[in-house]
PDB file of N, CA and C in Angstrom:
ATOM      1  N   UNK A   1      11.139 -13.186   6.892  1.00  0.00           N
ATOM      2  CA  UNK A   1      11.601 -12.076   7.682  1.00  0.00           C
ATOM      3  C   UNK A   1      10.791 -10.835   7.345  1.00  0.00           C
ATOM      4  N   UNK A   2      10.254 -10.172   8.353  1.00  0.00           N
ATOM      5  CA  UNK A   2       9.423  -9.008   8.135  1.00  0.00           C
ATOM      6  C   UNK A   2      10.284  -7.758   7.977  1.00  0.00           C
ATOM      7  N   UNK A   3       9.975  -6.986   6.958  1.00  0.00           N
ATOM      8  CA  UNK A   3      10.732  -5.774   6.670  1.00  0.00           C
ATOM      9  C   UNK A   3      10.169  -4.597   7.453  1.00  0.00           C
ATOM     10  N   UNK A   4      11.021  -3.641   7.753  1.00  0.00           N
ATOM     11  CA  UNK A   4      10.557  -2.420   8.399  1.00  0.00           C
ATOM     12  C   UNK A   4      10.112  -1.397   7.358  1.00  0.00           C
ATOM     13  N   UNK A   5      10.221  -1.762   6.093  1.00  0.00           N
ATOM     14  CA  UNK A   5       9.823  -0.876   5.005  1.00  0.00           C
ATOM     15  C   UNK A   5       8.312  -0.941   4.831  1.00  0.00           C
ATOM     16  N   UNK A   6       7.686   0.230   4.801  1.00  0.00           N
ATOM     17  CA  UNK A   6       6.247   0.326   4.592  1.00  0.00           C
ATOM     18  C   UNK A   6       6.000   0.958   3.226  1.00  0.00           C
ATOM     19  N   UNK A   7       5.120   0.334   2.449  1.00  0.00           N
ATOM     20  CA  UNK A   7       4.841   0.806   1.093  1.00  0.00           C
ATOM     21  C   UNK A   7       3.367   1.165   0.988  1.00  0.00           C
ATOM     22  N   UNK A   8       3.105   2.333   0.418  1.00  0.00           N
ATOM     23  CA  UNK A   8       1.735   2.763   0.157  1.00  0.00           C
ATOM     24  C   UNK A   8       1.485   2.616  -1.339  1.00  0.00           C
ATOM     25  N   UNK A   9       0.565   1.741  -1.683  1.00  0.00           N
ATOM     26  CA  UNK A   9       0.197   1.511  -3.082  1.00  0.00           C
ATOM     27  C   UNK A   9      -1.004   2.395  -3.393  1.00  0.00           C
ATOM     28  N   UNK A  10      -0.884   3.213  -4.436  1.00  0.00           N
ATOM     29  CA  UNK A  10      -1.981   4.090  -4.846  1.00  0.00           C
ATOM     30  C   UNK A  10      -2.305   3.792  -6.303  1.00  0.00           C
ATOM     31  N   UNK A  11      -3.510   3.270  -6.530  1.00  0.00           N
ATOM     32  CA  UNK A  11      -3.944   2.962  -7.892  1.00  0.00           C
ATOM     33  C   UNK A  11      -5.458   2.850  -7.889  1.00  0.00           C
ATOM     34  N   UNK A  12      -6.091   3.345  -8.938  1.00  0.00           N
ATOM     35  CA  UNK A  12      -7.547   3.283  -8.998  1.00  0.00           C
ATOM     36  C   UNK A  12      -8.065   1.920  -9.454  1.00  0.00           C
ATOM     37  N   UNK A  13      -7.175   1.060  -9.902  1.00  0.00           N
ATOM     38  CA  UNK A  13      -7.569  -0.287 -10.331  1.00  0.00           C
ATOM     39  C   UNK A  13      -7.407  -1.261  -9.167  1.00  0.00           C
ATOM     40  N   UNK A  14      -8.520  -1.762  -8.652  1.00  0.00           N
ATOM     41  CA  UNK A  14      -8.472  -2.660  -7.499  1.00  0.00           C
ATOM     42  C   UNK A  14      -7.660  -3.920  -7.777  1.00  0.00           C
ATOM     43  N   UNK A  15      -7.769  -4.446  -8.986  1.00  0.00           N
ATOM     44  CA  UNK A  15      -7.039  -5.667  -9.339  1.00  0.00           C
ATOM     45  C   UNK A  15      -5.527  -5.441  -9.245  1.00  0.00           C
ATOM     46  N   UNK A  16      -5.062  -4.313  -9.740  1.00  0.00           N
ATOM     47  CA  UNK A  16      -3.626  -4.015  -9.677  1.00  0.00           C
ATOM     48  C   UNK A  16      -3.165  -3.805  -8.241  1.00  0.00           C
ATOM     49  N   UNK A  17      -3.970  -3.069  -7.450  1.00  0.00           N
ATOM     50  CA  UNK A  17      -3.620  -2.870  -6.036  1.00  0.00           C
ATOM     51  C   UNK A  17      -3.506  -4.205  -5.327  1.00  0.00           C
ATOM     52  N   UNK A  18      -4.465  -5.066  -5.551  1.00  0.00           N
ATOM     53  CA  UNK A  18      -4.487  -6.369  -4.889  1.00  0.00           C
ATOM     54  C   UNK A  18      -3.291  -7.226  -5.306  1.00  0.00           C
ATOM     55  N   UNK A  19      -2.992  -7.243  -6.587  1.00  0.00           N
ATOM     56  CA  UNK A  19      -1.863  -8.031  -7.089  1.00  0.00           C
ATOM     57  C   UNK A  19      -0.542  -7.530  -6.503  1.00  0.00           C
ATOM     58  N   UNK A  20      -0.327  -6.221  -6.560  1.00  0.00           N
ATOM     59  CA  UNK A  20       0.896  -5.656  -5.989  1.00  0.00           C
ATOM     60  C   UNK A  20       0.989  -5.939  -4.494  1.00  0.00           C
ATOM     61  N   UNK A  21      -0.134  -5.807  -3.807  1.00  0.00           N
ATOM     62  CA  UNK A  21      -0.154  -6.062  -2.368  1.00  0.00           C
ATOM     63  C   UNK A  21       0.259  -7.500  -2.071  1.00  0.00           C
ATOM     64  N   UNK A  22      -0.298  -8.459  -2.787  1.00  0.00           N
ATOM     65  CA  UNK A  22       0.034  -9.867  -2.564  1.00  0.00           C
ATOM     66  C   UNK A  22       1.520 -10.132  -2.806  1.00  0.00           C
ATOM     67  N   UNK A  23       2.045  -9.591  -3.887  1.00  0.00           N
ATOM     68  CA  UNK A  23       3.461  -9.804  -4.215  1.00  0.00           C
ATOM     69  C   UNK A  23       4.359  -9.211  -3.139  1.00  0.00           C
ATOM     70  N   UNK A  24       4.067  -7.984  -2.740  1.00  0.00           N
ATOM     71  CA  UNK A  24       4.916  -7.304  -1.763  1.00  0.00           C
ATOM     72  C   UNK A  24       4.779  -7.899  -0.366  1.00  0.00           C
ATOM     73  N   UNK A  25       3.586  -8.372  -0.009  1.00  0.00           N
ATOM     74  CA  UNK A  25       3.413  -9.033   1.290  1.00  0.00           C
ATOM     75  C   UNK A  25       4.268 -10.294   1.364  1.00  0.00           C
ATOM     76  N   UNK A  26       4.339 -11.029   0.265  1.00  0.00           N
ATOM     77  CA  UNK A  26       5.193 -12.227   0.226  1.00  0.00           C
ATOM     78  C   UNK A  26       6.660 -11.870   0.426  1.00  0.00           C
ATOM     79  N   UNK A  27       7.023 -10.661   0.027  1.00  0.00           N
ATOM     80  CA  UNK A  27       8.390 -10.187   0.211  1.00  0.00           C
ATOM     81  C   UNK A  27       8.644  -9.657   1.610  1.00  0.00           C
ATOM     82  N   UNK A  28       7.613  -9.663   2.450  1.00  0.00           N
ATOM     83  CA  UNK A  28       7.781  -9.243   3.832  1.00  0.00           C
ATOM     84  C   UNK A  28       7.565  -7.761   4.091  1.00  0.00           C
ATOM     85  N   UNK A  29       7.078  -7.035   3.098  1.00  0.00           N
ATOM     86  CA  UNK A  29       6.861  -5.605   3.270  1.00  0.00           C
ATOM     87  C   UNK A  29       5.537  -5.322   3.982  1.00  0.00           C
ATOM     88  N   UNK A  30       5.490  -4.194   4.672  1.00  0.00           N
ATOM     89  CA  UNK A  30       4.248  -3.712   5.267  1.00  0.00           C
ATOM     90  C   UNK A  30       3.551  -2.878   4.194  1.00  0.00           C
ATOM     91  N   UNK A  31       2.293  -3.188   3.923  1.00  0.00           N
ATOM     92  CA  UNK A  31       1.595  -2.570   2.802  1.00  0.00           C
ATOM     93  C   UNK A  31       0.328  -1.862   3.260  1.00  0.00           C
ATOM     94  N   UNK A  32       0.118  -0.686   2.688  1.00  0.00           N
ATOM     95  CA  UNK A  32      -1.155   0.018   2.806  1.00  0.00           C
ATOM     96  C   UNK A  32      -1.594   0.362   1.390  1.00  0.00           C
ATOM     97  N   UNK A  33      -2.898   0.382   1.161  1.00  0.00           N
ATOM     98  CA  UNK A  33      -3.421   0.650  -0.176  1.00  0.00           C
ATOM     99  C   UNK A  33      -4.433   1.789  -0.145  1.00  0.00           C
ATOM    100  N   UNK A  34      -4.420   2.583  -1.207  1.00  0.00           N
ATOM    101  CA  UNK A  34      -5.393   3.651  -1.396  1.00  0.00           C
ATOM    102  C   UNK A  34      -5.832   3.638  -2.852  1.00  0.00           C
ATOM    103  N   UNK A  35      -7.089   4.017  -3.073  1.00  0.00           N
ATOM    104  CA  UNK A  35      -7.609   3.972  -4.436  1.00  0.00           C
ATOM    105  C   UNK A  35      -7.391   5.269  -5.206  1.00  0.00           C
ATOM    106  N   UNK A  36      -7.007   6.346  -4.500  1.00  0.00           N
ATOM    107  CA  UNK A  36      -6.739   7.607  -5.192  1.00  0.00           C
ATOM    108  C   UNK A  36      -5.821   8.487  -4.348  1.00  0.00           C
ATOM    109  N   UNK A  37      -5.388   9.577  -4.941  1.00  0.00           N
ATOM    110  CA  UNK A  37      -4.454  10.465  -4.269  1.00  0.00           C
ATOM    111  C   UNK A  37      -5.012  11.090  -3.006  1.00  0.00           C
ATOM    112  N   UNK A  38      -6.286  11.449  -3.027  1.00  0.00           N
ATOM    113  CA  UNK A  38      -6.912  12.059  -1.852  1.00  0.00           C
ATOM    114  C   UNK A  38      -6.895  11.082  -0.683  1.00  0.00           C
ATOM    115  N   UNK A  39      -7.279   9.850  -0.932  1.00  0.00           N
ATOM    116  CA  UNK A  39      -7.267   8.820   0.118  1.00  0.00           C
ATOM    117  C   UNK A  39      -5.851   8.574   0.623  1.00  0.00           C
ATOM    118  N   UNK A  40      -4.896   8.571  -0.283  1.00  0.00           N
ATOM    119  CA  UNK A  40      -3.500   8.345   0.103  1.00  0.00           C
ATOM    120  C   UNK A  40      -3.006   9.460   1.019  1.00  0.00           C
ATOM    121  N   UNK A  41      -3.322  10.707   0.678  1.00  0.00           N
ATOM    122  CA  UNK A  41      -2.905  11.833   1.515  1.00  0.00           C
ATOM    123  C   UNK A  41      -3.550  11.774   2.895  1.00  0.00           C
ATOM    124  N   UNK A  42      -4.825  11.387   2.951  1.00  0.00           N
ATOM    125  CA  UNK A  42      -5.508  11.243   4.242  1.00  0.00           C
ATOM    126  C   UNK A  42      -4.824  10.175   5.091  1.00  0.00           C
ATOM    127  N   UNK A  43      -4.481   9.057   4.464  1.00  0.00           N
ATOM    128  CA  UNK A  43      -3.801   7.981   5.191  1.00  0.00           C
ATOM    129  C   UNK A  43      -2.462   8.462   5.737  1.00  0.00           C
ATOM    130  N   UNK A  44      -1.729   9.211   4.937  1.00  0.00           N
ATOM    131  CA  UNK A  44      -0.416   9.696   5.361  1.00  0.00           C
ATOM    132  C   UNK A  44      -0.528  10.745   6.467  1.00  0.00           C
ATOM    133  N   UNK A  45      -1.592  11.537   6.438  1.00  0.00           N
ATOM    134  CA  UNK A  45      -1.800  12.517   7.512  1.00  0.00           C
ATOM    135  C   UNK A  45      -2.114  11.816   8.829  1.00  0.00           C
ATOM    136  N   UNK A  46      -2.926  10.754   8.761  1.00  0.00           N
ATOM    137  CA  UNK A  46      -3.329  10.020   9.961  1.00  0.00           C
ATOM    138  C   UNK A  46      -2.183   9.207  10.539  1.00  0.00           C
ATOM    139  N   UNK A  47      -1.405   8.585   9.660  1.00  0.00           N
ATOM    140  CA  UNK A  47      -0.297   7.732  10.100  1.00  0.00           C
ATOM    141  C   UNK A  47       0.842   7.826   9.088  1.00  0.00           C
ATOM    142  N   UNK A  48       1.775   8.748   9.323  1.00  0.00           N
ATOM    143  CA  UNK A  48       2.867   8.971   8.359  1.00  0.00           C
ATOM    144  C   UNK A  48       3.763   7.771   8.131  1.00  0.00           C
TER     145      UNK A  48
END
């Protein structure tokens, strides 16, 4: 079942971002990833 919850993962470690993304995708969450705070803010401005 797909969740309507969207999670933004922000971490400078690609391995951690990828691992968290895989785990949360299995849980049905919608996931977006950013490698730093600046990128995360840009993503949120473009698509809140």
